[in-house]
Amino acid sequence: MNSGAVPGGAAILVEGASDRAAVAAAARVLGVELEAVGVSVVPMGGAMSVRRFVAELGPGGAGMRLRGLCDAGEVRFFERAGLPAEAVFVCRPDLEGELLGALGHARTEEALHEQGDLGLFRTFQQQPAQRTRTVDQQLHRFLGTTSGRKEQYGAALTTALAPAELPAPLRNVVRAAVADAALG
């Protein structure tokens, strides 16, 4: 398995590409260059793969200090892989929910406008299945309707936040991994 992680540093294990994009954007918002400080962000292709990545990258493998970022529904996989609770940062209910909550409707729609997708979102809202849903539910669903959109907006929505506005799981996983990497 080629995880792209640098042995001996610290790694943040994430479920997929949208999480990686959000973590990288959060680091930039916080003024941190993750690679420069020895932190790798490793997308695992789903939370069920975490045990394999812990074995490869953790103390029994490459010797990296590991942190995890996951959705609330995926915590059990990180626990079963042996990561201690304090090493896992949980998005409730998920990363998109955290970002939407931090931005609110107006700023999220502003980000959609900046990305050229506000018209598509307005059309999406008019679909029969969407008409009875809340704006939060519509936005959440919209982010997952097209391949690559979650990754695009993982970065775009995170970048729209100030450091103090970053959802705690994103902010804290970056800070913890940077502190881990500093331990050498």
N, C-alpha and C. Protein backbone atom coordinates (compact mmCIF):
# COMPACT_ATOMS: atom_id res chain seq x y z
N MET A 1 0.87 -1.18 0.00
CA MET A 1 0.00 0.00 0.00
C MET A 1 0.91 1.23 0.00
N ASN A 2 0.63 2.17 -0.86
CA ASN A 2 1.40 3.41 -0.89
C ASN A 2 0.50 4.53 -0.41
N SER A 3 0.68 4.93 0.84
CA SER A 3 -0.19 5.92 1.45
C SER A 3 0.24 7.35 1.15
N GLY A 4 1.48 7.54 0.71
CA GLY A 4 1.98 8.88 0.48
C GLY A 4 2.47 9.55 1.75
N ALA A 5 2.44 8.85 2.88
CA ALA A 5 2.88 9.41 4.15
C ALA A 5 4.40 9.31 4.26
N VAL A 6 4.99 10.25 4.96
CA VAL A 6 6.42 10.28 5.18
C VAL A 6 6.72 9.61 6.52
N PRO A 7 7.49 8.50 6.51
CA PRO A 7 7.78 7.80 7.76
C PRO A 7 8.42 8.70 8.81
N GLY A 8 8.05 8.46 10.07
CA GLY A 8 8.67 9.16 11.18
C GLY A 8 7.98 10.44 11.60
N GLY A 9 7.10 10.97 10.81
CA GLY A 9 6.41 12.21 11.17
C GLY A 9 5.08 11.91 11.83
N ALA A 10 4.10 12.69 11.47
CA ALA A 10 2.73 12.50 11.97
C ALA A 10 1.81 12.40 10.77
N ALA A 11 0.71 11.69 10.98
CA ALA A 11 -0.26 11.55 9.90
C ALA A 11 -1.67 11.74 10.45
N ILE A 12 -2.50 12.34 9.61
CA ILE A 12 -3.92 12.47 9.89
C ILE A 12 -4.61 11.51 8.94
N LEU A 13 -5.26 10.50 9.50
CA LEU A 13 -6.00 9.53 8.70
C LEU A 13 -7.41 10.06 8.48
N VAL A 14 -7.82 10.17 7.23
CA VAL A 14 -9.14 10.67 6.88
C VAL A 14 -9.83 9.67 5.97
N GLU A 15 -11.15 9.75 5.94
CA GLU A 15 -11.93 8.79 5.16
C GLU A 15 -11.68 8.92 3.66
N GLY A 16 -11.67 10.14 3.12
CA GLY A 16 -11.54 10.29 1.68
C GLY A 16 -11.01 11.63 1.25
N ALA A 17 -11.14 11.88 -0.05
CA ALA A 17 -10.56 13.07 -0.67
C ALA A 17 -11.19 14.37 -0.16
N SER A 18 -12.49 14.37 0.13
CA SER A 18 -13.11 15.61 0.61
C SER A 18 -12.57 15.97 2.00
N ASP A 19 -12.32 14.97 2.82
CA ASP A 19 -11.75 15.22 4.14
C ASP A 19 -10.31 15.74 4.01
N ARG A 20 -9.55 15.12 3.09
CA ARG A 20 -8.17 15.57 2.86
C ARG A 20 -8.17 17.04 2.42
N ALA A 21 -9.07 17.39 1.50
CA ALA A 21 -9.15 18.77 1.00
C ALA A 21 -9.49 19.73 2.13
N ALA A 22 -10.42 19.34 3.00
CA ALA A 22 -10.82 20.21 4.11
C ALA A 22 -9.69 20.37 5.13
N VAL A 23 -8.98 19.29 5.44
CA VAL A 23 -7.86 19.37 6.39
C VAL A 23 -6.76 20.27 5.82
N ALA A 24 -6.43 20.09 4.54
CA ALA A 24 -5.40 20.93 3.92
C ALA A 24 -5.83 22.40 3.93
N ALA A 25 -7.09 22.66 3.63
CA ALA A 25 -7.59 24.04 3.65
C ALA A 25 -7.58 24.60 5.07
N ALA A 26 -7.96 23.78 6.06
CA ALA A 26 -7.94 24.24 7.46
C ALA A 26 -6.52 24.60 7.88
N ALA A 27 -5.56 23.80 7.46
CA ALA A 27 -4.16 24.11 7.79
C ALA A 27 -3.77 25.46 7.18
N ARG A 28 -4.15 25.69 5.93
CA ARG A 28 -3.83 26.98 5.31
C ARG A 28 -4.49 28.13 6.05
N VAL A 29 -5.75 27.96 6.44
CA VAL A 29 -6.47 28.99 7.21
C VAL A 29 -5.72 29.28 8.51
N LEU A 30 -5.15 28.23 9.11
CA LEU A 30 -4.41 28.38 10.36
C LEU A 30 -2.96 28.82 10.15
N GLY A 31 -2.56 28.98 8.89
CA GLY A 31 -1.20 29.43 8.58
C GLY A 31 -0.15 28.34 8.72
N VAL A 32 -0.54 27.09 8.50
CA VAL A 32 0.38 25.96 8.65
C VAL A 32 0.59 25.28 7.30
N GLU A 33 1.83 24.99 6.98
CA GLU A 33 2.18 24.19 5.80
C GLU A 33 2.45 22.78 6.31
N LEU A 34 1.46 21.90 6.17
CA LEU A 34 1.54 20.57 6.79
C LEU A 34 2.78 19.79 6.37
N GLU A 35 3.07 19.71 5.09
CA GLU A 35 4.23 18.95 4.64
C GLU A 35 5.52 19.51 5.24
N ALA A 36 5.61 20.82 5.32
CA ALA A 36 6.83 21.45 5.84
C ALA A 36 7.09 21.12 7.30
N VAL A 37 6.02 20.86 8.06
CA VAL A 37 6.20 20.53 9.48
C VAL A 37 6.17 19.02 9.73
N GLY A 38 6.08 18.22 8.65
CA GLY A 38 6.15 16.77 8.80
C GLY A 38 4.83 16.06 9.03
N VAL A 39 3.73 16.67 8.56
CA VAL A 39 2.40 16.06 8.72
C VAL A 39 1.87 15.64 7.36
N SER A 40 1.47 14.38 7.25
CA SER A 40 0.83 13.86 6.04
C SER A 40 -0.66 13.71 6.30
N VAL A 41 -1.46 13.99 5.30
CA VAL A 41 -2.90 13.75 5.37
C VAL A 41 -3.17 12.57 4.44
N VAL A 42 -3.69 11.49 5.02
CA VAL A 42 -3.80 10.23 4.29
C VAL A 42 -5.26 9.83 4.11
N PRO A 43 -5.80 9.95 2.88
CA PRO A 43 -7.16 9.46 2.62
C PRO A 43 -7.11 7.93 2.50
N MET A 44 -8.02 7.26 3.19
CA MET A 44 -7.98 5.80 3.28
C MET A 44 -8.97 5.11 2.35
N GLY A 45 -9.80 5.85 1.64
CA GLY A 45 -10.80 5.21 0.80
C GLY A 45 -11.95 4.63 1.61
N GLY A 46 -12.20 5.22 2.76
CA GLY A 46 -13.29 4.77 3.63
C GLY A 46 -12.76 4.40 5.01
N ALA A 47 -13.60 4.60 6.00
CA ALA A 47 -13.21 4.37 7.39
C ALA A 47 -12.93 2.90 7.69
N MET A 48 -13.52 1.99 6.93
CA MET A 48 -13.31 0.57 7.21
C MET A 48 -11.87 0.14 6.95
N SER A 49 -11.08 0.98 6.27
CA SER A 49 -9.68 0.66 5.98
C SER A 49 -8.73 1.12 7.07
N VAL A 50 -9.23 1.76 8.12
CA VAL A 50 -8.35 2.39 9.10
C VAL A 50 -7.41 1.39 9.78
N ARG A 51 -7.86 0.21 10.06
CA ARG A 51 -7.00 -0.78 10.73
C ARG A 51 -5.74 -1.05 9.91
N ARG A 52 -5.89 -1.20 8.61
CA ARG A 52 -4.75 -1.46 7.73
C ARG A 52 -3.77 -0.28 7.75
N PHE A 53 -4.30 0.95 7.75
CA PHE A 53 -3.44 2.14 7.75
C PHE A 53 -2.75 2.31 9.10
N VAL A 54 -3.42 2.00 10.18
CA VAL A 54 -2.79 2.08 11.51
C VAL A 54 -1.64 1.08 11.58
N ALA A 55 -1.85 -0.12 11.05
CA ALA A 55 -0.80 -1.14 11.06
C ALA A 55 0.40 -0.71 10.22
N GLU A 56 0.13 -0.12 9.07
CA GLU A 56 1.22 0.29 8.18
C GLU A 56 1.97 1.52 8.68
N LEU A 57 1.24 2.50 9.18
CA LEU A 57 1.85 3.79 9.50
C LEU A 57 2.16 4.00 10.97
N GLY A 58 1.45 3.32 11.86
CA GLY A 58 1.60 3.55 13.30
C GLY A 58 2.86 2.95 13.89
N PRO A 59 2.87 2.77 15.22
CA PRO A 59 4.06 2.30 15.93
C PRO A 59 4.62 0.97 15.41
N GLY A 60 3.75 0.07 14.97
CA GLY A 60 4.22 -1.22 14.46
C GLY A 60 4.67 -1.19 13.01
N GLY A 61 4.50 -0.05 12.35
CA GLY A 61 4.88 0.08 10.94
C GLY A 61 5.92 1.17 10.77
N ALA A 62 5.51 2.27 10.16
CA ALA A 62 6.43 3.38 9.87
C ALA A 62 6.77 4.22 11.10
N GLY A 63 6.11 3.97 12.21
CA GLY A 63 6.43 4.68 13.45
C GLY A 63 5.90 6.10 13.52
N MET A 64 4.85 6.36 12.78
CA MET A 64 4.29 7.71 12.78
C MET A 64 3.32 7.89 13.95
N ARG A 65 3.19 9.12 14.39
CA ARG A 65 2.15 9.47 15.36
C ARG A 65 0.88 9.70 14.56
N LEU A 66 -0.21 9.05 14.96
CA LEU A 66 -1.43 9.07 14.16
C LEU A 66 -2.56 9.81 14.84
N ARG A 67 -3.29 10.54 14.02
CA ARG A 67 -4.54 11.19 14.41
C ARG A 67 -5.58 10.79 13.37
N GLY A 68 -6.83 10.85 13.74
CA GLY A 68 -7.89 10.52 12.80
C GLY A 68 -8.96 11.59 12.79
N LEU A 69 -9.58 11.78 11.65
CA LEU A 69 -10.74 12.66 11.49
C LEU A 69 -11.82 11.82 10.83
N CYS A 70 -12.99 11.76 11.47
CA CYS A 70 -14.05 10.93 10.90
C CYS A 70 -15.43 11.49 11.23
N ASP A 71 -16.43 10.95 10.54
CA ASP A 71 -17.82 11.28 10.82
C ASP A 71 -18.26 10.51 12.06
N ALA A 72 -19.26 11.01 12.73
CA ALA A 72 -19.74 10.37 13.96
C ALA A 72 -20.10 8.90 13.74
N GLY A 73 -20.65 8.57 12.61
CA GLY A 73 -21.05 7.19 12.34
C GLY A 73 -19.90 6.24 12.07
N GLU A 74 -18.68 6.75 11.98
CA GLU A 74 -17.53 5.92 11.65
C GLU A 74 -16.55 5.74 12.81
N VAL A 75 -16.84 6.31 13.95
CA VAL A 75 -15.93 6.26 15.10
C VAL A 75 -15.55 4.83 15.46
N ARG A 76 -16.50 3.93 15.38
CA ARG A 76 -16.25 2.55 15.81
C ARG A 76 -15.10 1.91 15.05
N PHE A 77 -14.92 2.27 13.78
CA PHE A 77 -13.82 1.69 13.01
C PHE A 77 -12.46 2.18 13.53
N PHE A 78 -12.40 3.43 13.93
CA PHE A 78 -11.16 3.99 14.48
C PHE A 78 -10.87 3.37 15.85
N GLU A 79 -11.90 3.17 16.65
CA GLU A 79 -11.74 2.53 17.96
C GLU A 79 -11.23 1.10 17.79
N ARG A 80 -11.83 0.35 16.88
CA ARG A 80 -11.42 -1.04 16.65
C ARG A 80 -10.00 -1.13 16.12
N ALA A 81 -9.55 -0.09 15.44
CA ALA A 81 -8.19 -0.08 14.90
C ALA A 81 -7.15 0.21 15.98
N GLY A 82 -7.62 0.57 17.16
CA GLY A 82 -6.71 0.81 18.27
C GLY A 82 -6.28 2.25 18.48
N LEU A 83 -6.87 3.18 17.75
CA LEU A 83 -6.54 4.58 18.01
C LEU A 83 -7.24 5.03 19.29
N PRO A 84 -6.52 5.65 20.21
CA PRO A 84 -7.18 6.12 21.43
C PRO A 84 -8.18 7.23 21.13
N ALA A 85 -9.19 7.35 21.96
CA ALA A 85 -10.25 8.34 21.73
C ALA A 85 -9.70 9.75 21.56
N GLU A 86 -8.66 10.10 22.30
CA GLU A 86 -8.11 11.46 22.20
C GLU A 86 -7.37 11.70 20.88
N ALA A 87 -7.12 10.66 20.12
CA ALA A 87 -6.45 10.79 18.83
C ALA A 87 -7.43 10.93 17.67
N VAL A 88 -8.72 10.76 17.96
CA VAL A 88 -9.74 10.77 16.91
C VAL A 88 -10.64 11.99 17.09
N PHE A 89 -10.76 12.77 16.05
CA PHE A 89 -11.55 13.99 16.06
C PHE A 89 -12.80 13.73 15.22
N VAL A 90 -13.96 13.93 15.84
CA VAL A 90 -15.22 13.47 15.27
C VAL A 90 -16.07 14.64 14.77
N CYS A 91 -16.47 14.56 13.50
CA CYS A 91 -17.38 15.54 12.90
C CYS A 91 -18.81 15.06 13.14
N ARG A 92 -19.65 15.94 13.66
CA ARG A 92 -21.03 15.58 13.99
C ARG A 92 -21.99 16.41 13.14
N PRO A 93 -22.83 15.83 12.36
CA PRO A 93 -22.89 14.40 12.11
C PRO A 93 -21.79 13.95 11.15
N ASP A 94 -21.31 14.89 10.32
CA ASP A 94 -20.25 14.60 9.36
C ASP A 94 -19.55 15.91 9.00
N LEU A 95 -18.52 15.80 8.17
CA LEU A 95 -17.75 16.99 7.81
C LEU A 95 -18.61 18.06 7.16
N GLU A 96 -19.46 17.66 6.23
CA GLU A 96 -20.31 18.64 5.55
C GLU A 96 -21.23 19.34 6.53
N GLY A 97 -21.78 18.60 7.47
CA GLY A 97 -22.63 19.19 8.50
C GLY A 97 -21.89 20.21 9.35
N GLU A 98 -20.66 19.89 9.69
CA GLU A 98 -19.82 20.82 10.48
C GLU A 98 -19.57 22.11 9.69
N LEU A 99 -19.23 21.96 8.41
CA LEU A 99 -18.94 23.14 7.59
C LEU A 99 -20.18 23.99 7.35
N LEU A 100 -21.29 23.33 7.05
CA LEU A 100 -22.54 24.07 6.83
C LEU A 100 -22.96 24.81 8.10
N GLY A 101 -22.79 24.17 9.25
CA GLY A 101 -23.13 24.81 10.51
C GLY A 101 -22.24 26.01 10.81
N ALA A 102 -20.97 25.89 10.47
CA ALA A 102 -20.03 26.99 10.72
C ALA A 102 -20.30 28.19 9.81
N LEU A 103 -20.69 27.92 8.58
CA LEU A 103 -20.90 29.00 7.61
C LEU A 103 -22.31 29.59 7.63
N GLY A 104 -23.30 28.76 7.87
CA GLY A 104 -24.69 29.21 7.74
C GLY A 104 -25.09 29.22 6.27
N HIS A 105 -26.40 29.41 6.03
CA HIS A 105 -26.93 29.34 4.67
C HIS A 105 -26.36 30.41 3.75
N ALA A 106 -26.39 31.64 4.20
CA ALA A 106 -26.00 32.76 3.32
C ALA A 106 -24.55 32.63 2.86
N ARG A 107 -23.65 32.32 3.79
CA ARG A 107 -22.23 32.22 3.41
C ARG A 107 -21.97 30.97 2.58
N THR A 108 -22.71 29.90 2.84
CA THR A 108 -22.56 28.70 2.01
C THR A 108 -23.02 29.01 0.59
N GLU A 109 -24.15 29.70 0.45
CA GLU A 109 -24.63 30.05 -0.88
C GLU A 109 -23.67 31.02 -1.57
N GLU A 110 -23.02 31.87 -0.80
CA GLU A 110 -22.00 32.76 -1.36
C GLU A 110 -20.85 31.94 -1.93
N ALA A 111 -20.44 30.90 -1.21
CA ALA A 111 -19.38 30.01 -1.70
C ALA A 111 -19.84 29.27 -2.96
N LEU A 112 -21.11 28.85 -3.00
CA LEU A 112 -21.64 28.22 -4.20
C LEU A 112 -21.57 29.19 -5.38
N HIS A 113 -21.92 30.44 -5.13
CA HIS A 113 -21.87 31.47 -6.17
C HIS A 113 -20.43 31.64 -6.68
N GLU A 114 -19.48 31.72 -5.75
CA GLU A 114 -18.07 31.90 -6.13
C GLU A 114 -17.55 30.72 -6.94
N GLN A 115 -18.09 29.54 -6.70
CA GLN A 115 -17.67 28.34 -7.43
C GLN A 115 -18.47 28.13 -8.71
N GLY A 116 -19.45 29.01 -8.97
CA GLY A 116 -20.24 28.92 -10.18
C GLY A 116 -21.38 27.92 -10.11
N ASP A 117 -21.77 27.51 -8.89
CA ASP A 117 -22.78 26.47 -8.72
C ASP A 117 -24.10 26.95 -8.11
N LEU A 118 -24.26 28.23 -7.87
CA LEU A 118 -25.48 28.69 -7.22
C LEU A 118 -26.71 28.44 -8.10
N GLY A 119 -26.59 28.65 -9.40
CA GLY A 119 -27.71 28.38 -10.31
C GLY A 119 -28.08 26.90 -10.30
N LEU A 120 -27.08 26.04 -10.28
CA LEU A 120 -27.34 24.60 -10.20
C LEU A 120 -28.05 24.25 -8.90
N PHE A 121 -27.64 24.90 -7.82
CA PHE A 121 -28.27 24.64 -6.53
C PHE A 121 -29.74 25.10 -6.56
N ARG A 122 -30.01 26.25 -7.14
CA ARG A 122 -31.40 26.73 -7.21
C ARG A 122 -32.26 25.76 -8.01
N THR A 123 -31.73 25.22 -9.09
CA THR A 123 -32.45 24.21 -9.88
C THR A 123 -32.67 22.96 -9.04
N PHE A 124 -31.64 22.54 -8.34
CA PHE A 124 -31.72 21.37 -7.47
C PHE A 124 -32.82 21.54 -6.41
N GLN A 125 -32.92 22.74 -5.84
CA GLN A 125 -33.94 23.01 -4.82
C GLN A 125 -35.36 22.82 -5.35
N GLN A 126 -35.55 22.99 -6.65
CA GLN A 126 -36.89 22.89 -7.24
C GLN A 126 -37.29 21.46 -7.59
N GLN A 127 -36.36 20.53 -7.47
CA GLN A 127 -36.71 19.14 -7.75
C GLN A 127 -37.74 18.66 -6.73
N PRO A 128 -38.70 17.86 -7.17
CA PRO A 128 -39.77 17.41 -6.26
C PRO A 128 -39.26 16.81 -4.95
N ALA A 129 -38.22 16.01 -5.00
CA ALA A 129 -37.70 15.37 -3.79
C ALA A 129 -37.07 16.37 -2.82
N GLN A 130 -36.71 17.56 -3.30
CA GLN A 130 -36.03 18.54 -2.46
C GLN A 130 -36.96 19.60 -1.87
N ARG A 131 -38.12 19.76 -2.46
CA ARG A 131 -39.00 20.87 -2.08
C ARG A 131 -39.42 20.85 -0.62
N THR A 132 -39.56 19.70 -0.02
CA THR A 132 -40.02 19.63 1.38
C THR A 132 -38.86 19.59 2.38
N ARG A 133 -37.66 19.57 1.88
CA ARG A 133 -36.48 19.52 2.77
C ARG A 133 -36.08 20.93 3.20
N THR A 134 -35.40 21.00 4.34
CA THR A 134 -34.87 22.27 4.81
C THR A 134 -33.71 22.69 3.92
N VAL A 135 -33.33 23.94 3.98
CA VAL A 135 -32.18 24.42 3.21
C VAL A 135 -30.92 23.67 3.64
N ASP A 136 -30.76 23.40 4.93
CA ASP A 136 -29.60 22.62 5.39
C ASP A 136 -29.57 21.25 4.72
N GLN A 137 -30.71 20.59 4.70
CA GLN A 137 -30.78 19.27 4.07
C GLN A 137 -30.50 19.34 2.57
N GLN A 138 -31.01 20.38 1.92
CA GLN A 138 -30.77 20.56 0.49
C GLN A 138 -29.29 20.80 0.22
N LEU A 139 -28.68 21.69 0.99
CA LEU A 139 -27.26 21.98 0.79
C LEU A 139 -26.42 20.72 1.02
N HIS A 140 -26.71 20.01 2.09
CA HIS A 140 -25.97 18.80 2.41
C HIS A 140 -26.07 17.79 1.27
N ARG A 141 -27.27 17.59 0.76
CA ARG A 141 -27.47 16.64 -0.33
C ARG A 141 -26.81 17.12 -1.61
N PHE A 142 -26.90 18.41 -1.89
CA PHE A 142 -26.32 18.98 -3.10
C PHE A 142 -24.81 18.72 -3.16
N LEU A 143 -24.15 18.82 -2.03
CA LEU A 143 -22.70 18.64 -2.00
C LEU A 143 -22.29 17.25 -2.42
N GLY A 144 -23.17 16.27 -2.27
CA GLY A 144 -22.83 14.90 -2.62
C GLY A 144 -23.41 14.38 -3.91
N THR A 145 -24.00 15.24 -4.73
CA THR A 145 -24.71 14.74 -5.92
C THR A 145 -23.83 14.53 -7.14
N THR A 146 -22.66 15.13 -7.19
CA THR A 146 -21.81 15.03 -8.38
C THR A 146 -20.41 14.60 -7.96
N SER A 147 -19.82 13.71 -8.72
CA SER A 147 -18.47 13.24 -8.43
C SER A 147 -17.50 14.42 -8.33
N GLY A 148 -16.75 14.46 -7.27
CA GLY A 148 -15.76 15.52 -7.06
C GLY A 148 -16.28 16.74 -6.34
N ARG A 149 -17.60 16.87 -6.21
CA ARG A 149 -18.15 18.07 -5.59
C ARG A 149 -17.82 18.13 -4.09
N LYS A 150 -17.88 17.01 -3.40
CA LYS A 150 -17.56 17.02 -1.96
C LYS A 150 -16.12 17.48 -1.73
N GLU A 151 -15.21 17.01 -2.58
CA GLU A 151 -13.81 17.42 -2.47
C GLU A 151 -13.66 18.91 -2.76
N GLN A 152 -14.29 19.37 -3.84
CA GLN A 152 -14.25 20.79 -4.21
C GLN A 152 -14.73 21.66 -3.05
N TYR A 153 -15.87 21.28 -2.47
CA TYR A 153 -16.45 22.10 -1.42
C TYR A 153 -15.84 21.84 -0.05
N GLY A 154 -15.19 20.70 0.12
CA GLY A 154 -14.43 20.50 1.36
C GLY A 154 -13.40 21.61 1.50
N ALA A 155 -12.74 21.93 0.39
CA ALA A 155 -11.76 23.01 0.39
C ALA A 155 -12.41 24.39 0.38
N ALA A 156 -13.38 24.59 -0.51
CA ALA A 156 -13.99 25.92 -0.69
C ALA A 156 -14.70 26.40 0.57
N LEU A 157 -15.47 25.53 1.20
CA LEU A 157 -16.20 25.95 2.41
C LEU A 157 -15.26 26.18 3.57
N THR A 158 -14.23 25.37 3.69
CA THR A 158 -13.26 25.55 4.77
C THR A 158 -12.50 26.85 4.59
N THR A 159 -12.11 27.14 3.37
CA THR A 159 -11.36 28.36 3.08
C THR A 159 -12.17 29.61 3.36
N ALA A 160 -13.49 29.51 3.30
CA ALA A 160 -14.36 30.66 3.55
C ALA A 160 -14.45 31.02 5.03
N LEU A 161 -13.84 30.21 5.89
CA LEU A 161 -13.90 30.43 7.33
C LEU A 161 -12.64 31.11 7.85
N ALA A 162 -12.80 31.89 8.91
CA ALA A 162 -11.67 32.45 9.63
C ALA A 162 -11.16 31.39 10.61
N PRO A 163 -9.93 31.51 11.09
CA PRO A 163 -9.39 30.49 12.01
C PRO A 163 -10.31 30.17 13.19
N ALA A 164 -10.87 31.18 13.82
CA ALA A 164 -11.74 30.95 15.00
C ALA A 164 -13.07 30.31 14.62
N GLU A 165 -13.44 30.37 13.33
CA GLU A 165 -14.71 29.79 12.88
C GLU A 165 -14.59 28.34 12.45
N LEU A 166 -13.37 27.85 12.28
CA LEU A 166 -13.21 26.47 11.83
C LEU A 166 -13.90 25.53 12.81
N PRO A 167 -14.61 24.52 12.30
CA PRO A 167 -15.20 23.54 13.19
C PRO A 167 -14.11 22.92 14.07
N ALA A 168 -14.43 22.71 15.33
CA ALA A 168 -13.44 22.20 16.29
C ALA A 168 -12.72 20.94 15.81
N PRO A 169 -13.41 19.95 15.22
CA PRO A 169 -12.67 18.76 14.80
C PRO A 169 -11.56 19.08 13.78
N LEU A 170 -11.83 19.94 12.83
CA LEU A 170 -10.82 20.32 11.83
C LEU A 170 -9.67 21.09 12.46
N ARG A 171 -10.02 22.10 13.21
CA ARG A 171 -9.00 22.94 13.86
C ARG A 171 -8.12 22.09 14.78
N ASN A 172 -8.76 21.26 15.60
CA ASN A 172 -8.02 20.51 16.61
C ASN A 172 -7.20 19.37 16.04
N VAL A 173 -7.66 18.72 14.97
CA VAL A 173 -6.85 17.65 14.40
C VAL A 173 -5.59 18.21 13.77
N VAL A 174 -5.68 19.37 13.13
CA VAL A 174 -4.49 20.00 12.56
C VAL A 174 -3.52 20.38 13.67
N ARG A 175 -4.00 21.04 14.69
CA ARG A 175 -3.12 21.47 15.79
C ARG A 175 -2.47 20.28 16.49
N ALA A 176 -3.23 19.21 16.71
CA ALA A 176 -2.69 18.03 17.38
C ALA A 176 -1.62 17.36 16.53
N ALA A 177 -1.85 17.23 15.24
CA ALA A 177 -0.87 16.58 14.36
C ALA A 177 0.40 17.42 14.25
N VAL A 178 0.26 18.73 14.19
CA VAL A 178 1.42 19.61 14.15
C VAL A 178 2.23 19.45 15.44
N ALA A 179 1.56 19.40 16.58
CA ALA A 179 2.25 19.19 17.85
C ALA A 179 2.93 17.83 17.88
N ASP A 180 2.28 16.80 17.35
CA ASP A 180 2.89 15.46 17.26
C ASP A 180 4.15 15.48 16.42
N ALA A 181 4.09 16.14 15.27
CA ALA A 181 5.25 16.19 14.37
C ALA A 181 6.41 16.91 15.02
N ALA A 182 6.11 17.92 15.84
CA ALA A 182 7.17 18.67 16.53
C ALA A 182 7.91 17.80 17.55
N LEU A 183 7.25 16.75 18.03
CA LEU A 183 7.88 15.85 18.99
C LEU A 183 8.95 14.99 18.32
N GLY A 184 8.89 14.95 16.99
CA GLY A 184 9.91 14.24 16.23
C GLY A 184 9.71 12.79 16.24
